[in-house]
Amino acid sequence: MAESIAEDRKERGRAVFREVYGDLVPAPPPGAAPAFELLILEQQFAEVWSRPELSVPSRRLLTMGVVAANGEYETLEMQFRRAIQVGELSVEQVREVAIHLITYVGTTAAGGILRSSEAAIAGGAGDRDATAS
């Protein structure tokens, strides 16, 4: 019974992980990384990202702030790219998020934040209609 519950959580976590990252970040195959499955899939995605009180787009914006503040610009670019791909943010909104983040994270982070946002836009994700939201 407990094993079945854990498998359900892993599968729910994988589904939410795919929703959040699409094909940008591959999840490890089942059983390949037990610690990853427990911490990331079962807890972070199955239990946190899937909570109904905040939408995935709201959680993505929060995540963008945290990863920008931590200087994780590759992760920030992935978040920007996925937000554009699924229509959560338009190109203009990505640029506005970058401006907003710079004012809170600090001007020393401006280069990394701008590179992340513009790389996401230029990387094909900007093919969506710029006015989509």
C-alpha atoms as a PDB file:
ATOM      1  CA  MET A   1       0.000   0.000   0.000  1.00  0.00           C
ATOM      2  CA  ALA A   2       2.733   2.510   0.977  1.00  0.00           C
ATOM      3  CA  GLU A   3       4.665   1.570  -2.161  1.00  0.00           C
ATOM      4  CA  SER A   4       1.572   2.271  -4.272  1.00  0.00           C
ATOM      5  CA  ILE A   5       1.164   5.708  -2.657  1.00  0.00           C
ATOM      6  CA  ALA A   6       4.823   6.528  -3.323  1.00  0.00           C
ATOM      7  CA  GLU A   7       4.455   5.451  -6.958  1.00  0.00           C
ATOM      8  CA  ASP A   8       1.331   7.622  -7.309  1.00  0.00           C
ATOM      9  CA  ARG A   9       3.237  10.603  -5.894  1.00  0.00           C
ATOM     10  CA  LYS A  10       6.153   9.987  -8.254  1.00  0.00           C
ATOM     11  CA  GLU A  11       3.825   9.796 -11.253  1.00  0.00           C
ATOM     12  CA  ARG A  12       1.951  12.929 -10.160  1.00  0.00           C
ATOM     13  CA  GLY A  13       5.316  14.638  -9.659  1.00  0.00           C
ATOM     14  CA  ARG A  14       6.487  13.577 -13.122  1.00  0.00           C
ATOM     15  CA  ALA A  15       3.288  14.945 -14.682  1.00  0.00           C
ATOM     16  CA  VAL A  16       3.673  18.318 -12.963  1.00  0.00           C
ATOM     17  CA  PHE A  17       7.419  18.359 -13.771  1.00  0.00           C
ATOM     18  CA  ARG A  18       6.540  17.853 -17.478  1.00  0.00           C
ATOM     19  CA  GLU A  19       3.946  20.629 -17.263  1.00  0.00           C
ATOM     20  CA  VAL A  20       6.449  23.029 -15.716  1.00  0.00           C
ATOM     21  CA  TYR A  21       9.487  22.173 -17.869  1.00  0.00           C
ATOM     22  CA  GLY A  22       8.117  20.450 -20.972  1.00  0.00           C
ATOM     23  CA  ASP A  23      11.034  19.050 -22.961  1.00  0.00           C
ATOM     24  CA  LEU A  24      13.494  21.650 -21.657  1.00  0.00           C
ATOM     25  CA  VAL A  25      14.581  19.516 -18.690  1.00  0.00           C
ATOM     26  CA  PRO A  26      14.365  15.731 -18.848  1.00  0.00           C
ATOM     27  CA  ALA A  27      13.321  13.942 -15.695  1.00  0.00           C
ATOM     28  CA  PRO A  28      15.484  10.941 -14.891  1.00  0.00           C
ATOM     29  CA  PRO A  29      14.019   7.548 -15.775  1.00  0.00           C
ATOM     30  CA  PRO A  30      12.084   5.864 -12.959  1.00  0.00           C
ATOM     31  CA  GLY A  31      14.393   4.335 -10.363  1.00  0.00           C
ATOM     32  CA  ALA A  32      17.541   5.967 -11.765  1.00  0.00           C
ATOM     33  CA  ALA A  33      17.871   8.616  -9.063  1.00  0.00           C
ATOM     34  CA  PRO A  34      15.918   7.715  -5.890  1.00  0.00           C
ATOM     35  CA  ALA A  35      16.947  10.864  -3.979  1.00  0.00           C
ATOM     36  CA  PHE A  36      15.871  13.049  -6.907  1.00  0.00           C
ATOM     37  CA  GLU A  37      12.549  11.225  -7.112  1.00  0.00           C
ATOM     38  CA  LEU A  38      11.906  11.729  -3.392  1.00  0.00           C
ATOM     39  CA  LEU A  39      13.009  15.348  -3.049  1.00  0.00           C
ATOM     40  CA  ILE A  40      12.111  16.814  -6.419  1.00  0.00           C
ATOM     41  CA  LEU A  41       9.344  14.693  -7.929  1.00  0.00           C
ATOM     42  CA  GLU A  42       7.470  13.531  -4.822  1.00  0.00           C
ATOM     43  CA  GLN A  43       7.917  16.631  -2.678  1.00  0.00           C
ATOM     44  CA  GLN A  44       8.589  19.691  -4.814  1.00  0.00           C
ATOM     45  CA  PHE A  45       6.375  18.829  -7.786  1.00  0.00           C
ATOM     46  CA  ALA A  46       3.780  16.335  -6.490  1.00  0.00           C
ATOM     47  CA  GLU A  47       3.188  18.164  -3.213  1.00  0.00           C
ATOM     48  CA  VAL A  48       4.133  21.827  -3.758  1.00  0.00           C
ATOM     49  CA  TRP A  49       3.781  22.791  -7.441  1.00  0.00           C
ATOM     50  CA  SER A  50       0.492  20.866  -7.637  1.00  0.00           C
ATOM     51  CA  ARG A  51      -1.199  22.657  -4.721  1.00  0.00           C
ATOM     52  CA  PRO A  52      -4.351  24.453  -5.938  1.00  0.00           C
ATOM     53  CA  GLU A  53      -3.849  27.690  -3.995  1.00  0.00           C
ATOM     54  CA  LEU A  54      -1.409  29.074  -6.604  1.00  0.00           C
ATOM     55  CA  SER A  55      -1.416  28.434 -10.338  1.00  0.00           C
ATOM     56  CA  VAL A  56       1.616  27.129 -12.221  1.00  0.00           C
ATOM     57  CA  PRO A  57       2.140  30.596 -13.803  1.00  0.00           C
ATOM     58  CA  SER A  58       2.125  32.212 -10.333  1.00  0.00           C
ATOM     59  CA  ARG A  59       4.564  29.621  -9.023  1.00  0.00           C
ATOM     60  CA  ARG A  60       6.749  30.131 -12.091  1.00  0.00           C
ATOM     61  CA  LEU A  61       6.963  33.888 -11.393  1.00  0.00           C
ATOM     62  CA  LEU A  62       7.951  33.174  -7.786  1.00  0.00           C
ATOM     63  CA  THR A  63      10.555  30.693  -8.994  1.00  0.00           C
ATOM     64  CA  MET A  64      11.922  33.263 -11.446  1.00  0.00           C
ATOM     65  CA  GLY A  65      12.470  35.684  -8.585  1.00  0.00           C
ATOM     66  CA  VAL A  66      14.268  33.118  -6.475  1.00  0.00           C
ATOM     67  CA  VAL A  67      16.516  31.825  -9.251  1.00  0.00           C
ATOM     68  CA  ALA A  68      17.330  35.378 -10.372  1.00  0.00           C
ATOM     69  CA  ALA A  69      18.243  36.344  -6.813  1.00  0.00           C
ATOM     70  CA  ASN A  70      20.499  33.280  -6.626  1.00  0.00           C
ATOM     71  CA  GLY A  71      22.184  34.073  -9.941  1.00  0.00           C
ATOM     72  CA  GLU A  72      20.889  30.883 -11.573  1.00  0.00           C
ATOM     73  CA  TYR A  73      20.517  32.449 -15.012  1.00  0.00           C
ATOM     74  CA  GLU A  74      20.349  29.198 -16.992  1.00  0.00           C
ATOM     75  CA  THR A  75      17.386  28.113 -14.871  1.00  0.00           C
ATOM     76  CA  LEU A  76      15.879  31.576 -15.268  1.00  0.00           C
ATOM     77  CA  GLU A  77      16.217  31.288 -19.036  1.00  0.00           C
ATOM     78  CA  MET A  78      14.444  27.893 -18.965  1.00  0.00           C
ATOM     79  CA  GLN A  79      11.620  29.384 -16.914  1.00  0.00           C
ATOM     80  CA  PHE A  80      11.297  32.339 -19.310  1.00  0.00           C
ATOM     81  CA  ARG A  81      11.409  30.010 -22.316  1.00  0.00           C
ATOM     82  CA  ARG A  82       8.735  27.684 -20.952  1.00  0.00           C
ATOM     83  CA  ALA A  83       6.490  30.593 -19.918  1.00  0.00           C
ATOM     84  CA  ILE A  84       6.595  31.871 -23.507  1.00  0.00           C
ATOM     85  CA  GLN A  85       6.130  28.383 -25.005  1.00  0.00           C
ATOM     86  CA  VAL A  86       2.939  27.686 -23.080  1.00  0.00           C
ATOM     87  CA  GLY A  87       1.563  31.205 -23.405  1.00  0.00           C
ATOM     88  CA  GLU A  88       1.905  32.183 -19.750  1.00  0.00           C
ATOM     89  CA  LEU A  89       3.925  35.274 -20.701  1.00  0.00           C
ATOM     90  CA  SER A  90       4.283  37.267 -23.903  1.00  0.00           C
ATOM     91  CA  VAL A  91       7.660  38.542 -25.125  1.00  0.00           C
ATOM     92  CA  GLU A  92       6.829  41.978 -23.716  1.00  0.00           C
ATOM     93  CA  GLN A  93       5.875  40.440 -20.376  1.00  0.00           C
ATOM     94  CA  VAL A  94       9.168  38.508 -20.206  1.00  0.00           C
ATOM     95  CA  ARG A  95      11.016  41.777 -20.719  1.00  0.00           C
ATOM     96  CA  GLU A  96       8.866  43.417 -18.042  1.00  0.00           C
ATOM     97  CA  VAL A  97       9.625  40.591 -15.591  1.00  0.00           C
ATOM     98  CA  ALA A  98      13.333  41.098 -16.312  1.00  0.00           C
ATOM     99  CA  ILE A  99      13.026  44.829 -15.580  1.00  0.00           C
ATOM    100  CA  HIS A 100      11.103  44.121 -12.386  1.00  0.00           C
ATOM    101  CA  LEU A 101      13.628  41.524 -11.224  1.00  0.00           C
ATOM    102  CA  ILE A 102      16.574  43.819 -11.880  1.00  0.00           C
ATOM    103  CA  THR A 103      15.102  46.490  -9.627  1.00  0.00           C
ATOM    104  CA  TYR A 104      14.746  43.984  -6.776  1.00  0.00           C
ATOM    105  CA  VAL A 105      17.758  41.728  -7.310  1.00  0.00           C
ATOM    106  CA  GLY A 106      20.076  44.627  -8.114  1.00  0.00           C
ATOM    107  CA  THR A 107      21.859  46.167 -11.015  1.00  0.00           C
ATOM    108  CA  THR A 108      24.801  43.809 -10.594  1.00  0.00           C
ATOM    109  CA  ALA A 109      22.444  41.066 -11.791  1.00  0.00           C
ATOM    110  CA  ALA A 110      21.141  43.071 -14.756  1.00  0.00           C
ATOM    111  CA  GLY A 111      23.435  41.478 -17.324  1.00  0.00           C
ATOM    112  CA  GLY A 112      22.556  37.921 -16.341  1.00  0.00           C
ATOM    113  CA  ILE A 113      18.833  38.615 -16.131  1.00  0.00           C
ATOM    114  CA  LEU A 114      18.761  40.422 -19.481  1.00  0.00           C
ATOM    115  CA  ARG A 115      20.829  37.700 -21.162  1.00  0.00           C
ATOM    116  CA  SER A 116      18.443  35.056 -19.784  1.00  0.00           C
ATOM    117  CA  SER A 117      15.312  36.841 -20.964  1.00  0.00           C
ATOM    118  CA  GLU A 118      16.660  37.733 -24.409  1.00  0.00           C
ATOM    119  CA  ALA A 119      18.151  34.246 -24.929  1.00  0.00           C
ATOM    120  CA  ALA A 120      14.758  32.715 -24.146  1.00  0.00           C
ATOM    121  CA  ILE A 121      13.088  35.087 -26.602  1.00  0.00           C
ATOM    122  CA  ALA A 122      15.695  34.514 -29.317  1.00  0.00           C
ATOM    123  CA  GLY A 123      15.807  30.759 -28.762  1.00  0.00           C
ATOM    124  CA  GLY A 124      12.631  30.120 -30.690  1.00  0.00           C
ATOM    125  CA  ALA A 125      10.255  30.669 -27.825  1.00  0.00           C
ATOM    126  CA  GLY A 126       9.696  34.178 -29.173  1.00  0.00           C
ATOM    127  CA  ASP A 127       7.891  32.689 -32.175  1.00  0.00           C
ATOM    128  CA  ARG A 128       4.616  32.919 -30.252  1.00  0.00           C
ATOM    129  CA  ASP A 129       2.525  35.996 -30.841  1.00  0.00           C
ATOM    130  CA  ALA A 130       4.111  38.792 -28.822  1.00  0.00           C
ATOM    131  CA  THR A 131       0.746  39.838 -27.434  1.00  0.00           C
ATOM    132  CA  ALA A 132      -0.200  36.388 -26.099  1.00  0.00           C
ATOM    133  CA  SER A 133      -0.566  36.140 -22.361  1.00  0.00           C
END
